[in-house]
Amino acid sequence: MRVFDQDVWWVDVLGRPHRLVAMSDEYLTNVITFLTEGEQRFHQGTVLRGLLEDIGALLEGRPGGQQVLEATGAPALSEVEPRAWLEGSPLMRVLRRELAARRDRAPHDE
Protein backbone atom coordinates (compact mmCIF):
# COMPACT_ATOMS: atom_id res chain seq x y z
CA MET A 1 0.00 0.00 0.00
CA ARG A 2 2.99 2.32 0.39
CA VAL A 3 3.19 2.62 -3.39
CA PHE A 4 0.47 5.29 -3.14
CA ASP A 5 2.71 7.48 -0.97
CA GLN A 6 5.34 8.13 -3.66
CA ASP A 7 5.45 9.28 -7.27
CA VAL A 8 8.38 7.50 -8.94
CA TRP A 9 7.62 3.78 -9.07
CA TRP A 10 4.86 1.32 -9.86
CA VAL A 11 5.27 -2.20 -8.47
CA ASP A 12 3.59 -4.91 -10.52
CA VAL A 13 1.90 -8.07 -9.25
CA LEU A 14 5.22 -9.92 -9.37
CA GLY A 15 6.88 -7.30 -7.17
CA ARG A 16 8.93 -5.79 -10.00
CA PRO A 17 9.38 -2.01 -9.82
CA HIS A 18 8.78 0.13 -12.91
CA ARG A 19 9.75 3.79 -13.23
CA LEU A 20 6.58 5.67 -14.06
CA VAL A 21 8.30 7.84 -16.66
CA ALA A 22 9.60 4.72 -18.42
CA MET A 23 6.22 3.00 -18.69
CA SER A 24 4.39 2.92 -22.03
CA ASP A 25 1.23 4.94 -22.53
CA GLU A 26 -0.74 1.71 -22.60
CA TYR A 27 0.78 0.53 -19.32
CA LEU A 28 0.08 3.89 -17.66
CA THR A 29 -3.53 3.70 -18.84
CA ASN A 30 -3.88 0.12 -17.61
CA VAL A 31 -2.49 1.01 -14.18
CA ILE A 32 -4.86 3.99 -13.87
CA THR A 33 -7.80 1.75 -14.80
CA PHE A 34 -6.69 -0.94 -12.35
CA LEU A 35 -6.39 1.59 -9.53
CA THR A 36 -9.72 3.30 -10.19
CA GLU A 37 -11.54 -0.03 -10.42
CA GLY A 38 -10.03 -1.07 -7.07
CA GLU A 39 -10.22 2.31 -5.32
CA GLN A 40 -12.46 1.01 -2.50
CA ARG A 41 -10.16 -1.93 -1.77
CA PHE A 42 -6.99 0.16 -1.92
CA HIS A 43 -8.51 2.83 0.31
CA GLN A 44 -9.55 0.22 2.88
CA GLY A 45 -6.07 -1.29 2.80
CA THR A 46 -4.51 2.10 3.37
CA VAL A 47 -6.87 2.84 6.28
CA LEU A 48 -5.97 -0.52 7.82
CA ARG A 49 -2.24 0.14 7.33
CA GLY A 50 -2.64 3.50 9.06
CA LEU A 51 -4.44 1.92 12.00
CA LEU A 52 -1.74 -0.70 12.43
CA GLU A 53 0.98 1.94 12.22
CA ASP A 54 -0.86 4.03 14.81
CA ILE A 55 -1.11 1.06 17.18
CA GLY A 56 2.62 0.49 16.82
CA ALA A 57 3.33 4.16 17.50
CA LEU A 58 1.13 4.19 20.59
CA LEU A 59 2.85 1.06 21.91
CA GLU A 60 6.15 2.89 21.50
CA GLY A 61 4.80 5.88 23.42
CA ARG A 62 4.65 8.29 20.50
CA PRO A 63 1.64 9.82 18.78
CA GLY A 64 0.16 7.96 15.85
CA GLY A 65 -0.21 9.49 12.41
CA GLN A 66 -3.95 9.99 12.85
CA GLN A 67 -3.36 11.93 16.07
CA VAL A 68 -0.96 14.19 14.21
CA LEU A 69 -3.48 14.71 11.40
CA GLU A 70 -6.26 15.51 13.88
CA ALA A 71 -4.00 18.04 15.61
CA THR A 72 -3.60 19.85 12.29
CA GLY A 73 -7.33 19.75 11.56
CA ALA A 74 -7.04 17.23 8.73
CA PRO A 75 -9.85 14.68 8.36
CA ALA A 76 -9.32 11.06 9.31
CA LEU A 77 -8.34 8.95 6.33
CA SER A 78 -11.42 6.82 6.94
CA GLU A 79 -13.56 9.96 6.44
CA VAL A 80 -12.08 10.72 3.02
CA GLU A 81 -13.97 9.26 0.07
CA PRO A 82 -12.01 6.52 -1.72
CA ARG A 83 -12.02 8.39 -5.06
CA ALA A 84 -10.79 11.63 -3.44
CA TRP A 85 -8.08 9.72 -1.57
CA LEU A 86 -6.93 7.90 -4.71
CA GLU A 87 -6.92 11.00 -6.93
CA GLY A 88 -5.03 12.92 -4.24
CA SER A 89 -2.34 10.28 -3.80
CA PRO A 90 1.13 11.14 -5.12
CA LEU A 91 1.05 8.01 -7.29
CA MET A 92 -2.22 8.79 -9.06
CA ARG A 93 -1.40 12.47 -9.50
CA VAL A 94 1.84 11.65 -11.32
CA LEU A 95 0.26 8.84 -13.36
CA ARG A 96 -2.39 11.23 -14.66
CA ARG A 97 0.09 14.09 -15.13
CA GLU A 98 2.54 11.88 -17.06
CA LEU A 99 -0.15 10.50 -19.36
CA ALA A 100 -1.61 13.98 -19.99
CA ALA A 101 1.84 15.42 -20.74
CA ARG A 102 2.49 12.69 -23.27
CA ARG A 103 -0.84 13.30 -24.96
CA ASP A 104 -0.09 17.03 -25.11
CA ARG A 105 3.28 16.30 -26.76
CA ALA A 106 1.83 13.83 -29.27
CA PRO A 107 1.40 15.09 -32.83
CA HIS A 108 -2.19 16.03 -33.49
CA ASP A 109 -4.05 15.18 -36.67
CA GLU A 110 -5.41 18.22 -38.42
C-alpha atoms as a PDB file:
ATOM      1  CA  MET A   1       0.000   0.000   0.000  1.00  0.00           C
ATOM      2  CA  ARG A   2       2.990   2.318   0.386  1.00  0.00           C
ATOM      3  CA  VAL A   3       3.194   2.619  -3.389  1.00  0.00           C
ATOM      4  CA  PHE A   4       0.473   5.289  -3.143  1.00  0.00           C
ATOM      5  CA  ASP A   5       2.711   7.484  -0.970  1.00  0.00           C
ATOM      6  CA  GLN A   6       5.340   8.135  -3.658  1.00  0.00           C
ATOM      7  CA  ASP A   7       5.453   9.276  -7.274  1.00  0.00           C
ATOM      8  CA  VAL A   8       8.377   7.502  -8.936  1.00  0.00           C
ATOM      9  CA  TRP A   9       7.620   3.780  -9.066  1.00  0.00           C
ATOM     10  CA  TRP A  10       4.859   1.322  -9.857  1.00  0.00           C
ATOM     11  CA  VAL A  11       5.269  -2.201  -8.472  1.00  0.00           C
ATOM     12  CA  ASP A  12       3.591  -4.913 -10.525  1.00  0.00           C
ATOM     13  CA  VAL A  13       1.905  -8.067  -9.251  1.00  0.00           C
ATOM     14  CA  LEU A  14       5.217  -9.922  -9.368  1.00  0.00           C
ATOM     15  CA  GLY A  15       6.876  -7.299  -7.168  1.00  0.00           C
ATOM     16  CA  ARG A  16       8.925  -5.789 -10.001  1.00  0.00           C
ATOM     17  CA  PRO A  17       9.381  -2.012  -9.817  1.00  0.00           C
ATOM     18  CA  HIS A  18       8.780   0.129 -12.910  1.00  0.00           C
ATOM     19  CA  ARG A  19       9.751   3.786 -13.225  1.00  0.00           C
ATOM     20  CA  LEU A  20       6.582   5.670 -14.056  1.00  0.00           C
ATOM     21  CA  VAL A  21       8.301   7.843 -16.658  1.00  0.00           C
ATOM     22  CA  ALA A  22       9.601   4.725 -18.424  1.00  0.00           C
ATOM     23  CA  MET A  23       6.216   2.995 -18.691  1.00  0.00           C
ATOM     24  CA  SER A  24       4.392   2.917 -22.031  1.00  0.00           C
ATOM     25  CA  ASP A  25       1.226   4.943 -22.533  1.00  0.00           C
ATOM     26  CA  GLU A  26      -0.737   1.706 -22.601  1.00  0.00           C
ATOM     27  CA  TYR A  27       0.783   0.526 -19.322  1.00  0.00           C
ATOM     28  CA  LEU A  28       0.081   3.887 -17.661  1.00  0.00           C
ATOM     29  CA  THR A  29      -3.530   3.696 -18.840  1.00  0.00           C
ATOM     30  CA  ASN A  30      -3.875   0.119 -17.605  1.00  0.00           C
ATOM     31  CA  VAL A  31      -2.490   1.006 -14.178  1.00  0.00           C
ATOM     32  CA  ILE A  32      -4.861   3.986 -13.872  1.00  0.00           C
ATOM     33  CA  THR A  33      -7.797   1.745 -14.805  1.00  0.00           C
ATOM     34  CA  PHE A  34      -6.685  -0.939 -12.348  1.00  0.00           C
ATOM     35  CA  LEU A  35      -6.392   1.591  -9.532  1.00  0.00           C
ATOM     36  CA  THR A  36      -9.723   3.301 -10.195  1.00  0.00           C
ATOM     37  CA  GLU A  37     -11.539  -0.034 -10.423  1.00  0.00           C
ATOM     38  CA  GLY A  38     -10.030  -1.067  -7.068  1.00  0.00           C
ATOM     39  CA  GLU A  39     -10.219   2.307  -5.321  1.00  0.00           C
ATOM     40  CA  GLN A  40     -12.458   1.009  -2.498  1.00  0.00           C
ATOM     41  CA  ARG A  41     -10.160  -1.933  -1.767  1.00  0.00           C
ATOM     42  CA  PHE A  42      -6.991   0.164  -1.924  1.00  0.00           C
ATOM     43  CA  HIS A  43      -8.515   2.827   0.315  1.00  0.00           C
ATOM     44  CA  GLN A  44      -9.550   0.223   2.883  1.00  0.00           C
ATOM     45  CA  GLY A  45      -6.068  -1.294   2.799  1.00  0.00           C
ATOM     46  CA  THR A  46      -4.510   2.099   3.374  1.00  0.00           C
ATOM     47  CA  VAL A  47      -6.871   2.839   6.276  1.00  0.00           C
ATOM     48  CA  LEU A  48      -5.966  -0.523   7.825  1.00  0.00           C
ATOM     49  CA  ARG A  49      -2.243   0.143   7.327  1.00  0.00           C
ATOM     50  CA  GLY A  50      -2.644   3.496   9.062  1.00  0.00           C
ATOM     51  CA  LEU A  51      -4.443   1.921  12.005  1.00  0.00           C
ATOM     52  CA  LEU A  52      -1.736  -0.702  12.426  1.00  0.00           C
ATOM     53  CA  GLU A  53       0.983   1.935  12.225  1.00  0.00           C
ATOM     54  CA  ASP A  54      -0.859   4.031  14.814  1.00  0.00           C
ATOM     55  CA  ILE A  55      -1.112   1.062  17.182  1.00  0.00           C
ATOM     56  CA  GLY A  56       2.623   0.494  16.817  1.00  0.00           C
ATOM     57  CA  ALA A  57       3.333   4.156  17.499  1.00  0.00           C
ATOM     58  CA  LEU A  58       1.130   4.186  20.588  1.00  0.00           C
ATOM     59  CA  LEU A  59       2.846   1.058  21.907  1.00  0.00           C
ATOM     60  CA  GLU A  60       6.149   2.892  21.498  1.00  0.00           C
ATOM     61  CA  GLY A  61       4.799   5.883  23.420  1.00  0.00           C
ATOM     62  CA  ARG A  62       4.648   8.288  20.502  1.00  0.00           C
ATOM     63  CA  PRO A  63       1.640   9.819  18.783  1.00  0.00           C
ATOM     64  CA  GLY A  64       0.159   7.965  15.847  1.00  0.00           C
ATOM     65  CA  GLY A  65      -0.213   9.490  12.412  1.00  0.00           C
ATOM     66  CA  GLN A  66      -3.947   9.989  12.848  1.00  0.00           C
ATOM     67  CA  GLN A  67      -3.361  11.934  16.067  1.00  0.00           C
ATOM     68  CA  VAL A  68      -0.959  14.186  14.206  1.00  0.00           C
ATOM     69  CA  LEU A  69      -3.484  14.710  11.398  1.00  0.00           C
ATOM     70  CA  GLU A  70      -6.257  15.510  13.877  1.00  0.00           C
ATOM     71  CA  ALA A  71      -4.003  18.037  15.611  1.00  0.00           C
ATOM     72  CA  THR A  72      -3.600  19.846  12.293  1.00  0.00           C
ATOM     73  CA  GLY A  73      -7.328  19.747  11.563  1.00  0.00           C
ATOM     74  CA  ALA A  74      -7.040  17.227   8.727  1.00  0.00           C
ATOM     75  CA  PRO A  75      -9.846  14.677   8.357  1.00  0.00           C
ATOM     76  CA  ALA A  76      -9.323  11.063   9.314  1.00  0.00           C
ATOM     77  CA  LEU A  77      -8.341   8.945   6.333  1.00  0.00           C
ATOM     78  CA  SER A  78     -11.423   6.817   6.940  1.00  0.00           C
ATOM     79  CA  GLU A  79     -13.556   9.960   6.445  1.00  0.00           C
ATOM     80  CA  VAL A  80     -12.078  10.718   3.020  1.00  0.00           C
ATOM     81  CA  GLU A  81     -13.971   9.261   0.070  1.00  0.00           C
ATOM     82  CA  PRO A  82     -12.009   6.522  -1.717  1.00  0.00           C
ATOM     83  CA  ARG A  83     -12.015   8.391  -5.059  1.00  0.00           C
ATOM     84  CA  ALA A  84     -10.787  11.625  -3.444  1.00  0.00           C
ATOM     85  CA  TRP A  85      -8.085   9.716  -1.565  1.00  0.00           C
ATOM     86  CA  LEU A  86      -6.932   7.903  -4.715  1.00  0.00           C
ATOM     87  CA  GLU A  87      -6.920  10.996  -6.926  1.00  0.00           C
ATOM     88  CA  GLY A  88      -5.030  12.920  -4.239  1.00  0.00           C
ATOM     89  CA  SER A  89      -2.342  10.282  -3.804  1.00  0.00           C
ATOM     90  CA  PRO A  90       1.133  11.138  -5.118  1.00  0.00           C
ATOM     91  CA  LEU A  91       1.047   8.009  -7.293  1.00  0.00           C
ATOM     92  CA  MET A  92      -2.223   8.789  -9.057  1.00  0.00           C
ATOM     93  CA  ARG A  93      -1.400  12.475  -9.497  1.00  0.00           C
ATOM     94  CA  VAL A  94       1.842  11.654 -11.321  1.00  0.00           C
ATOM     95  CA  LEU A  95       0.262   8.842 -13.360  1.00  0.00           C
ATOM     96  CA  ARG A  96      -2.393  11.230 -14.664  1.00  0.00           C
ATOM     97  CA  ARG A  97       0.090  14.087 -15.128  1.00  0.00           C
ATOM     98  CA  GLU A  98       2.539  11.878 -17.056  1.00  0.00           C
ATOM     99  CA  LEU A  99      -0.153  10.504 -19.357  1.00  0.00           C
ATOM    100  CA  ALA A 100      -1.610  13.979 -19.988  1.00  0.00           C
ATOM    101  CA  ALA A 101       1.835  15.424 -20.740  1.00  0.00           C
ATOM    102  CA  ARG A 102       2.489  12.689 -23.270  1.00  0.00           C
ATOM    103  CA  ARG A 103      -0.836  13.303 -24.963  1.00  0.00           C
ATOM    104  CA  ASP A 104      -0.087  17.026 -25.107  1.00  0.00           C
ATOM    105  CA  ARG A 105       3.284  16.298 -26.759  1.00  0.00           C
ATOM    106  CA  ALA A 106       1.830  13.829 -29.272  1.00  0.00           C
ATOM    107  CA  PRO A 107       1.404  15.090 -32.828  1.00  0.00           C
ATOM    108  CA  HIS A 108      -2.193  16.033 -33.493  1.00  0.00           C
ATOM    109  CA  ASP A 109      -4.050  15.177 -36.671  1.00  0.00           C
ATOM    110  CA  GLU A 110      -5.410  18.221 -38.416  1.00  0.00           C
END
